[in-house]
Protein backbone atom coordinates (compact mmCIF):
# COMPACT_ATOMS: atom_id res chain seq x y z
CA MET A 1 26.26 -55.23 58.21
CA CYS A 2 27.26 -52.53 60.69
CA TRP A 3 28.75 -50.33 58.00
CA LYS A 4 25.47 -50.48 56.07
CA ILE A 5 23.58 -49.34 59.14
CA ILE A 6 25.97 -46.37 59.52
CA ILE A 7 25.47 -45.28 55.88
CA VAL A 8 21.67 -45.51 56.13
CA ALA A 9 21.63 -43.53 59.38
CA VAL A 10 23.78 -40.70 57.98
CA LEU A 11 21.76 -40.43 54.78
CA ALA A 12 18.49 -40.42 56.69
CA GLY A 13 19.74 -37.60 58.89
CA ALA A 14 20.82 -35.56 55.88
CA ILE A 15 17.45 -36.00 54.14
CA ASN A 16 15.61 -34.98 57.30
CA CYS A 17 17.68 -31.77 57.57
CA VAL A 18 16.94 -30.86 53.96
CA ALA A 19 13.22 -31.42 54.49
CA ARG A 20 13.21 -29.13 57.55
CA ASP A 21 15.07 -26.45 55.57
CA MET A 22 12.54 -26.60 52.73
CA ASP A 23 9.67 -26.14 55.19
CA ALA A 24 11.41 -23.13 56.72
CA VAL A 25 11.64 -21.23 53.44
CA ARG A 26 9.17 -18.35 53.37
CA PRO A 27 6.82 -18.22 50.38
CA VAL A 28 6.62 -14.90 48.60
CA SER A 29 3.61 -13.40 46.93
CA ASP A 30 2.92 -10.32 44.89
CA PRO A 31 -0.18 -8.36 43.88
CA SER A 32 -0.29 -9.97 40.44
CA GLY A 33 -1.09 -13.34 41.99
CA PHE A 34 2.32 -14.99 41.62
CA ARG A 35 3.54 -17.01 44.53
CA ALA A 36 6.64 -19.02 45.20
CA GLY A 37 6.31 -22.75 44.80
CA THR A 38 3.92 -22.46 41.86
CA THR A 39 3.60 -25.85 40.25
CA PRO A 40 4.20 -26.33 36.48
CA GLU A 41 0.50 -27.12 36.08
CA GLU A 42 -0.53 -23.88 37.80
CA LEU A 43 1.96 -21.86 35.75
CA SER A 44 0.72 -23.47 32.53
CA SER A 45 -2.89 -22.73 33.49
CA ARG A 46 -2.00 -19.11 34.23
CA GLU A 47 -0.15 -18.70 30.93
CA ASN A 48 -3.02 -20.26 29.00
CA GLY A 49 -5.39 -17.84 30.69
CA ALA A 50 -3.17 -14.91 29.67
CA GLN A 51 -3.02 -16.20 26.10
CA SER A 52 -6.81 -16.41 25.92
CA PHE A 53 -7.09 -12.76 26.89
CA GLU A 54 -8.94 -10.97 24.09
CA GLU A 55 -7.98 -7.62 22.64
CA PRO A 56 -10.49 -5.02 23.92
CA THR A 57 -12.87 -3.38 21.51
CA GLY A 58 -15.09 -0.34 21.61
CA ILE A 59 -14.46 2.47 24.08
CA ILE A 60 -12.31 1.76 27.14
CA ASN A 61 -11.72 3.74 30.32
CA LEU A 62 -8.61 4.31 32.40
CA GLY A 63 -9.34 1.43 34.77
CA GLN A 64 -9.61 -1.03 31.90
CA ALA A 65 -6.37 0.20 30.36
CA LEU A 66 -4.51 -0.21 33.65
CA ALA A 67 -5.95 -3.69 34.23
CA MET A 68 -4.93 -4.83 30.75
CA ALA A 69 -1.43 -3.47 31.22
CA LEU A 70 -1.02 -5.37 34.49
CA MET A 71 -2.29 -8.58 32.93
CA LYS A 72 -0.38 -8.57 29.66
CA ASN A 73 2.74 -6.43 29.96
CA PRO A 74 5.76 -8.66 29.18
CA GLY A 75 8.04 -6.62 31.44
CA LEU A 76 6.09 -7.69 34.52
CA LYS A 77 6.30 -11.33 33.47
CA VAL A 78 10.08 -11.04 33.40
CA PHE A 79 10.07 -9.91 37.02
CA GLU A 80 7.75 -12.74 38.01
CA LEU A 81 10.24 -15.24 36.61
CA GLU A 82 13.06 -13.40 38.34
CA ILE A 83 11.23 -13.70 41.66
CA ARG A 84 10.84 -17.43 41.08
CA THR A 85 14.55 -17.67 40.35
CA LYS A 86 15.46 -15.87 43.56
CA GLU A 87 13.04 -18.08 45.50
CA ALA A 88 14.81 -21.13 44.11
CA LEU A 89 18.12 -19.67 45.29
CA VAL A 90 16.63 -19.24 48.77
CA LEU A 91 15.74 -22.91 48.69
CA GLN A 92 19.22 -23.89 47.53
CA SER A 93 20.93 -21.79 50.19
CA SER A 94 19.21 -23.75 52.93
CA VAL A 95 20.51 -27.21 52.05
CA ILE A 96 23.49 -28.84 53.72
CA SER A 97 26.39 -30.28 51.76
CA ASN A 98 26.18 -33.87 50.55
CA PRO A 99 28.02 -36.59 52.46
CA GLU A 100 30.91 -38.31 50.71
CA VAL A 101 31.42 -42.06 50.52
CA GLU A 102 35.00 -43.33 50.37
CA PHE A 103 36.12 -46.90 49.59
CA ASN A 104 39.74 -47.79 50.27
CA THR A 105 41.63 -51.11 49.97
CA GLN A 106 45.25 -51.54 51.11
CA ASN A 107 47.87 -54.30 51.23
CA PHE A 108 46.62 -56.50 48.42
CA GLY A 109 48.23 -58.22 45.43
CA GLY A 110 51.67 -58.78 47.01
CA LEU A 111 54.31 -61.19 45.55
CA GLY A 112 54.91 -63.14 48.75
CA ARG A 113 52.68 -64.49 51.44
CA PRO A 114 49.90 -63.60 52.02
CA GLU A 115 48.94 -63.20 48.35
CA ASN A 116 45.95 -61.76 46.49
CA TYR A 117 43.49 -60.27 49.04
CA GLU A 118 44.41 -62.42 52.00
CA GLY A 119 46.35 -59.61 53.72
CA SER A 120 44.28 -56.66 52.51
CA GLU A 121 42.57 -54.05 54.63
CA THR A 122 39.27 -52.67 53.30
CA THR A 123 37.79 -49.46 54.62
CA ILE A 124 34.42 -47.88 53.81
CA GLN A 125 33.93 -44.37 55.20
CA LEU A 126 31.37 -41.59 55.19
CA ARG A 127 32.61 -38.00 55.34
CA GLN A 128 30.27 -35.11 56.22
CA LEU A 129 31.08 -31.39 56.26
CA ILE A 130 29.55 -29.55 59.22
CA GLU A 131 29.32 -25.78 58.78
CA LEU A 132 30.06 -23.80 61.91
CA GLY A 133 29.62 -20.14 62.81
CA GLY A 134 26.04 -19.89 61.54
CA LYS A 135 27.07 -19.88 57.87
CA ARG A 136 24.01 -21.65 56.55
CA GLN A 137 21.59 -19.38 58.42
CA ALA A 138 23.50 -16.30 57.24
CA ARG A 139 23.45 -17.58 53.68
CA LYS A 140 19.70 -18.17 53.86
CA GLU A 141 19.18 -14.64 55.16
CA VAL A 142 21.19 -13.10 52.31
CA ALA A 143 19.29 -15.13 49.71
CA ALA A 144 15.92 -14.23 51.24
CA LEU A 145 16.75 -10.52 51.29
CA ASN A 146 17.90 -10.69 47.66
CA ARG A 147 14.54 -12.24 46.87
CA ASP A 148 12.81 -9.39 48.70
CA LEU A 149 14.85 -6.85 46.73
CA THR A 150 13.64 -8.44 43.52
CA GLN A 151 10.11 -8.03 44.85
CA TRP A 152 10.79 -4.32 45.37
CA ASN A 153 12.14 -4.10 41.82
CA TYR A 154 8.88 -5.65 40.68
CA GLU A 155 6.91 -3.04 42.62
CA SER A 156 8.93 -0.24 40.99
CA LYS A 157 8.38 -1.74 37.55
CA LYS A 158 4.67 -2.10 38.23
CA ILE A 159 4.17 1.48 39.36
CA ASP A 160 6.22 2.69 36.37
CA LEU A 161 3.93 0.71 34.11
CA LEU A 162 0.80 2.13 35.73
CA ILE A 163 2.05 5.70 35.52
CA ASP A 164 3.21 5.36 31.90
CA THR A 165 -0.11 3.78 30.94
CA THR A 166 -1.97 6.58 32.70
CA LYS A 167 -0.02 9.27 30.85
CA ALA A 168 -0.56 7.49 27.52
CA PHE A 169 -4.29 7.33 28.30
CA TRP A 170 -4.49 11.07 28.99
CA ALA A 171 -2.47 11.79 25.85
CA LEU A 172 -4.93 9.83 23.73
CA LEU A 173 -7.89 11.47 25.46
CA ALA A 174 -6.37 14.92 24.81
CA VAL A 175 -5.96 14.12 21.11
CA GLN A 176 -9.57 12.96 20.95
CA ARG A 177 -10.68 16.19 22.61
CA ARG A 178 -8.58 18.17 20.15
CA LEU A 179 -10.28 16.36 17.26
CA GLU A 180 -13.69 17.22 18.69
CA LEU A 181 -12.57 20.82 18.97
CA LEU A 182 -11.29 20.80 15.38
CA ASP A 183 -14.66 19.51 14.21
CA ASP A 184 -16.29 22.46 15.99
CA ILE A 185 -13.74 24.88 14.53
CA ILE A 186 -14.27 23.49 11.03
CA HIS A 187 -18.01 23.82 11.48
CA LEU A 188 -17.58 27.46 12.53
CA SER A 189 -15.18 28.04 9.64
CA GLU A 190 -17.73 26.61 7.21
CA GLU A 191 -20.46 28.85 8.60
CA THR A 192 -18.15 31.84 8.39
CA PHE A 193 -17.16 30.91 4.84
CA HIS A 194 -20.82 30.70 3.77
CA THR A 195 -21.58 34.02 5.45
CA VAL A 196 -18.63 35.69 3.70
CA SER A 197 -19.61 34.13 0.36
CA GLU A 198 -23.14 35.52 0.66
CA ARG A 199 -21.80 38.98 1.45
CA VAL A 200 -19.41 38.74 -1.51
CA ARG A 201 -22.22 37.77 -3.85
CA ALA A 202 -24.27 40.66 -2.45
CA GLY A 203 -21.39 42.98 -3.25
CA LYS A 204 -20.99 44.06 0.35
CA VAL A 205 -17.38 42.88 0.84
CA SER A 206 -14.36 42.23 -1.31
CA PRO A 207 -13.84 38.74 -2.86
CA VAL A 208 -10.50 38.71 -1.04
CA GLU A 209 -12.35 38.04 2.21
CA GLU A 210 -13.89 34.91 0.68
CA ILE A 211 -10.44 33.69 -0.30
CA ARG A 212 -9.21 34.29 3.26
CA ALA A 213 -12.15 32.38 4.69
CA GLU A 214 -11.51 29.49 2.30
CA ILE A 215 -7.81 29.40 3.23
CA LEU A 216 -8.69 29.28 6.94
CA LEU A 217 -11.17 26.45 6.32
CA SER A 218 -8.59 24.46 4.37
CA ALA A 219 -5.96 25.00 7.07
CA ASN A 220 -8.34 23.71 9.72
CA ARG A 221 -9.09 20.62 7.64
CA ILE A 222 -5.36 19.94 7.22
CA GLU A 223 -4.92 20.32 10.96
CA LYS A 224 -7.64 17.73 11.47
CA GLU A 225 -5.86 15.26 9.20
CA ARG A 226 -2.69 15.77 11.21
CA ALA A 227 -4.61 15.21 14.44
CA LEU A 228 -6.09 11.98 13.05
CA ARG A 229 -2.58 10.63 12.41
CA THR A 230 -1.54 11.68 15.90
CA LEU A 231 -4.62 9.93 17.27
CA GLU A 232 -3.69 6.67 15.58
CA ALA A 233 -0.14 6.84 16.92
CA ALA A 234 -1.43 7.56 20.45
CA ARG A 235 -3.82 4.60 20.19
CA TYR A 236 -1.02 2.23 19.24
CA HIS A 237 1.20 3.65 21.98
CA LEU A 238 -1.43 2.98 24.64
CA ALA A 239 -2.02 -0.56 23.36
CA SER A 240 1.70 -1.31 23.48
CA PHE A 241 1.54 -1.38 27.28
CA TRP A 242 -0.50 -4.58 27.12
CA ASP A 243 1.74 -6.02 24.39
CA SER A 244 -0.61 -5.33 21.50
CA THR A 245 0.50 -4.38 18.00
CA SER A 246 -3.00 -4.42 16.50
CA PRO A 247 -5.32 -2.46 18.80
CA LEU A 248 -9.01 -2.98 18.15
CA PHE A 249 -10.44 -0.48 20.62
CA ALA A 250 -11.92 2.62 19.02
CA GLY A 251 -10.99 5.16 21.66
CA VAL A 252 -10.93 6.04 25.33
CA GLN A 253 -13.47 7.60 27.65
CA GLY A 254 -12.64 9.91 30.53
CA ASP A 255 -13.16 13.34 32.02
CA LEU A 256 -10.23 15.42 30.82
CA GLU A 257 -11.61 18.56 32.44
CA ARG A 258 -11.85 16.99 35.89
CA VAL A 259 -9.25 18.42 38.25
CA LEU A 260 -8.76 18.06 41.98
CA PRO A 261 -10.50 20.64 44.17
CA GLY A 262 -7.09 21.94 45.19
CA ILE A 263 -3.39 21.23 45.41
CA PRO A 264 -1.98 19.67 48.58
CA SER A 265 0.95 21.42 50.18
CA ILE A 266 4.46 20.36 49.32
CA GLU A 267 4.97 19.38 52.97
CA LYS A 268 2.17 16.84 52.73
CA LEU A 269 3.65 15.36 49.61
CA LYS A 270 7.12 15.10 51.12
CA LEU A 271 5.67 13.08 53.98
CA LEU A 272 4.73 10.34 51.50
CA VAL A 273 8.10 10.09 49.72
CA PRO A 274 9.21 7.14 51.92
CA GLN A 275 6.42 5.00 50.46
CA ASN A 276 7.91 5.41 46.98
CA PRO A 277 9.17 1.89 46.08
CA ASP A 278 12.49 3.33 44.94
CA ILE A 279 12.98 4.73 48.45
CA ALA A 280 11.24 2.02 50.48
CA ARG A 281 13.47 -0.65 48.95
CA TRP A 282 16.56 0.85 50.59
CA ALA A 283 15.54 -0.49 54.00
CA THR A 284 15.72 -4.00 52.55
CA GLU A 285 18.88 -3.11 50.64
CA LEU A 286 20.66 -1.97 53.81
CA GLU A 287 19.47 -5.06 55.64
CA SER A 288 20.81 -7.18 52.80
CA ARG A 289 24.21 -5.47 52.90
CA GLN A 290 24.38 -6.01 56.68
CA ALA A 291 23.46 -9.67 56.22
CA ALA A 292 26.29 -9.98 53.70
CA ILE A 293 28.71 -8.68 56.34
CA GLU A 294 27.45 -11.27 58.81
CA LEU A 295 27.91 -14.00 56.22
CA GLU A 296 31.50 -12.99 55.57
CA ARG A 297 32.17 -12.90 59.30
CA ALA A 298 30.68 -16.36 59.63
CA ASN A 299 33.02 -17.58 56.90
CA ILE A 300 35.95 -16.78 59.19
CA VAL A 301 34.97 -19.69 61.43
CA PRO A 302 36.46 -22.91 60.00
CA ASN A 303 34.17 -25.82 59.19
CA LEU A 304 34.41 -29.26 60.73
CA THR A 305 34.59 -32.48 58.70
CA VAL A 306 33.48 -35.67 60.49
CA THR A 307 34.55 -39.05 59.14
CA GLY A 308 33.21 -42.44 60.22
CA GLY A 309 33.37 -45.88 58.67
CA TYR A 310 33.91 -49.61 58.76
CA GLN A 311 37.24 -51.47 58.27
CA ARG A 312 37.75 -55.13 57.39
CA LEU A 313 41.13 -56.74 58.31
CA ASN A 314 41.35 -59.83 56.11
CA ASN A 315 44.73 -61.09 57.38
CA MET A 316 43.38 -61.19 60.91
CA GLY A 317 39.83 -62.12 60.05
CA ASP A 318 38.69 -59.17 62.13
CA GLN A 319 36.78 -55.91 61.68
CA ALA A 320 36.87 -52.44 63.22
CA PHE A 321 35.32 -49.00 63.03
CA THR A 322 37.02 -45.72 62.13
CA LEU A 323 36.29 -42.18 63.31
CA GLY A 324 38.01 -38.94 62.37
CA LEU A 325 37.72 -35.16 62.66
CA SER A 326 39.42 -32.52 60.52
CA VAL A 327 39.34 -28.74 60.69
CA PRO A 328 41.36 -26.18 58.69
CA LEU A 329 43.61 -23.83 60.64
CA PRO A 330 42.75 -20.13 59.94
CA ILE A 331 46.36 -19.01 59.83
CA PHE A 332 46.84 -17.42 56.41
CA ASN A 333 43.28 -16.67 55.32
CA ARG A 334 40.94 -15.06 57.84
CA ASN A 335 38.59 -13.59 55.19
CA LYS A 336 39.41 -10.04 56.23
CA GLY A 337 39.31 -8.73 52.66
CA ASN A 338 35.79 -10.01 52.01
CA VAL A 339 34.56 -8.62 55.34
CA LEU A 340 36.01 -5.20 54.54
CA ALA A 341 34.50 -5.26 51.04
CA ALA A 342 31.07 -6.08 52.47
CA GLN A 343 31.37 -3.24 54.97
CA ASN A 344 32.29 -0.82 52.19
CA ARG A 345 29.26 -1.95 50.18
CA LEU A 346 27.06 -1.16 53.18
CA VAL A 347 28.47 2.37 53.42
CA LEU A 348 28.00 2.75 49.66
CA ALA A 349 24.35 1.71 49.96
CA GLN A 350 23.80 4.25 52.76
CA ASN A 351 25.17 7.02 50.54
CA GLN A 352 23.10 5.84 47.58
CA ARG A 353 19.98 5.88 49.71
CA ARG A 354 20.61 9.50 50.73
CA ALA A 355 21.28 10.44 47.10
CA SER A 356 18.05 8.74 45.97
CA LEU A 357 16.05 10.52 48.66
CA VAL A 358 17.50 13.89 47.66
CA GLN A 359 16.80 13.21 43.98
CA VAL A 360 13.20 12.17 44.58
CA LYS A 361 12.51 15.26 46.71
CA SER A 362 14.13 17.47 44.10
CA ASP A 363 11.99 15.93 41.36
CA LEU A 364 8.96 16.35 43.59
CA VAL A 365 9.58 20.08 44.02
CA GLN A 366 10.03 20.56 40.27
CA ASN A 367 6.87 18.65 39.42
CA TYR A 368 5.00 20.47 42.16
CA GLN A 369 5.89 23.80 40.55
CA ARG A 370 4.71 22.52 37.17
CA LEU A 371 1.49 21.32 38.78
CA GLN A 372 0.82 24.72 40.29
CA SER A 373 1.44 26.36 36.92
CA SER A 374 -0.88 23.95 35.09
CA TYR A 375 -3.57 24.25 37.74
CA GLN A 376 -3.51 28.05 37.62
CA GLU A 377 -3.57 28.00 33.82
CA VAL A 378 -6.53 25.63 33.72
CA THR A 379 -8.41 27.72 36.27
CA ALA A 380 -7.75 30.98 34.42
CA LEU A 381 -8.74 29.54 31.05
CA LYS A 382 -11.96 27.95 32.30
CA GLU A 383 -13.14 30.81 34.50
CA ASN A 384 -11.94 33.92 32.63
CA ILE A 385 -10.33 33.55 29.22
CA MET A 386 -12.65 31.03 27.60
CA PRO A 387 -15.94 32.74 28.53
CA SER A 388 -14.59 36.13 27.43
CA ALA A 389 -13.20 34.81 24.12
CA LEU A 390 -16.48 33.07 23.33
CA LYS A 391 -18.50 36.16 24.17
CA VAL A 392 -16.30 38.38 21.96
CA TYR A 393 -16.44 35.93 19.06
CA GLU A 394 -20.24 35.66 19.13
CA ALA A 395 -20.61 39.44 19.35
CA ILE A 396 -18.22 40.12 16.43
CA ARG A 397 -19.70 37.33 14.30
CA GLU A 398 -23.19 38.73 14.81
CA GLY A 399 -21.91 42.23 14.12
CA TYR A 400 -20.18 41.05 10.92
CA SER A 401 -23.44 39.68 9.56
CA GLN A 402 -24.93 43.12 10.16
CA GLY A 403 -22.02 44.89 8.53
CA LYS A 404 -20.63 46.40 11.72
CA PHE A 405 -17.24 44.60 11.52
CA ASP A 406 -15.00 43.48 8.71
CA TYR A 407 -13.76 39.93 8.17
CA LEU A 408 -10.40 40.56 9.83
CA ASN A 409 -12.23 41.18 13.09
CA VAL A 410 -14.09 37.89 12.71
CA LEU A 411 -10.90 36.03 11.83
CA ASP A 412 -9.07 37.49 14.82
CA ALA A 413 -11.91 36.62 17.23
CA GLN A 414 -12.22 33.09 15.86
CA THR A 415 -8.47 32.54 16.07
CA THR A 416 -8.39 33.82 19.65
CA LEU A 417 -11.21 31.48 20.66
CA SER A 418 -9.63 28.47 18.95
CA GLN A 419 -6.25 29.12 20.52
CA ALA A 420 -7.83 29.45 23.95
CA GLU A 421 -9.65 26.13 23.53
CA ILE A 422 -6.50 24.36 22.34
CA GLN A 423 -4.53 25.95 25.15
CA LEU A 424 -7.06 24.61 27.65
CA ILE A 425 -6.70 21.07 26.28
CA ASP A 426 -2.90 21.31 26.48
CA ALA A 427 -3.07 22.70 30.01
CA LEU A 428 -5.41 19.93 31.12
CA PHE A 429 -3.15 17.28 29.63
CA ASN A 430 -0.10 18.80 31.30
CA TYR A 431 -2.01 18.87 34.58
CA HIS A 432 -2.96 15.18 34.44
CA ARG A 433 0.51 14.18 33.28
CA THR A 434 2.13 16.09 36.15
CA VAL A 435 -0.30 14.57 38.65
CA ALA A 436 0.78 11.12 37.40
CA ASP A 437 4.46 12.04 37.79
CA ILE A 438 3.87 13.23 41.36
CA GLU A 439 1.93 10.09 42.20
CA ARG A 440 4.92 8.09 41.00
CA LEU A 441 7.20 10.03 43.34
CA ILE A 442 4.96 9.69 46.40
CA GLY A 443 3.86 6.13 45.65
CA GLY A 444 0.17 6.98 46.12
CA SER A 445 -2.75 8.98 44.78
CA MET A 446 -2.96 12.75 45.00
CA GLU A 447 -6.62 12.56 45.92
CA SER A 448 -5.81 10.67 49.12
CA VAL A 449 -3.23 13.30 50.06
CA LEU A 450 -5.92 15.98 50.16
CA GLU A 451 -7.60 14.04 52.97
CA ILE A 452 -4.55 14.38 55.23
CA PRO A 453 -5.08 17.20 57.74
CA GLU A 454 -2.59 20.04 57.53
CA VAL A 455 -1.67 19.58 61.19
CA ASP A 456 -0.14 16.17 60.29
CA ALA A 457 2.14 17.62 57.65
CA GLY A 458 4.79 19.16 59.87
CA GLY A 459 8.37 18.61 58.81
CA GLU A 460 9.74 16.48 56.03
């Protein structure tokens, strides 16, 4: 019975170690509500809740569009499953190797005396590998950091989704605003056409001017049809971010003409680059590469195998216990190649981090220049060009009805006003799109940057 007691004791010790390792694993959570260790019932409930999500109808705002994208985008779900996979690998890295049971019988079935099993020796042994050099802890650290890197990848994917959804929202809003403008232009063109027609019938102007007015009206109506098709495409594009192929919402609501009261300095913006997930992740990446080096160094230390068992000596009617130790001799393989490769990967990561930082700052400068250009264009159009163009158009249109100007003057004034209005819409869209691009690079909102005092913005 002694050998049974030995087996039970070893197995109990192994199970206890595994239980302690499972308790030591850190749970991970993310802003979407996922957490490690989610039960199948909880996952099923969450998926059923996502499936019951109804397609929005009516008019939606930017906040609703962003919320729907976070809830339904399939790309984010992929990362959630990837995080669960990495968490499972963390769990697996913490377990110890299984013990081995060995049964061995010798000196049986001879031709002489003793015969059959009378002279046999039966041995039952347990063999357990004991890792030395901190291998298991190093392995757990590498797995945990890989899990954290997946979390950073999720954060990058999430902010990409939010920025892309934001830009699609502003694009749709700009098309809607352009349609409203085209309705106004068509209304003005119709009024102008009726005015010209009356003057033609009165014999005051040539019939050619009526033809010109009709051509302009038709061109504006064609432009509206084109804008309607663009609107439908923009609506489907926005809905695609929450995995919808049949959008039911009618349109979006927002303030396209709202701009920030100013532009923060480039120095302020550069201060926030480190919070960009693509940059912030490199701290974890470097830590992971260093942990990989430590793991390879730990692998240099040979492991110990402990053997213990029970032996039955049938020819003597006696019993005994066995005990053994084995350890490989690190003569030919000292894992130097793997250590060197891990060190090279650390240096590579350091260089990649510097390259990423340079690239982000370069993109920030370029987008900052575009933002300044868009901001100045919007300001000039709203404060100077638009009021002047509208004033000129109203004066010439009134003068035309009194016979002071010909139709070409009216056409030129109307075209100038329409182009200025369209230019303003394009400038506003470019402004909002560039703001979104900058917010992606700094990992935060532009509005919050304006609250940072200039005195805190020294250096990069």
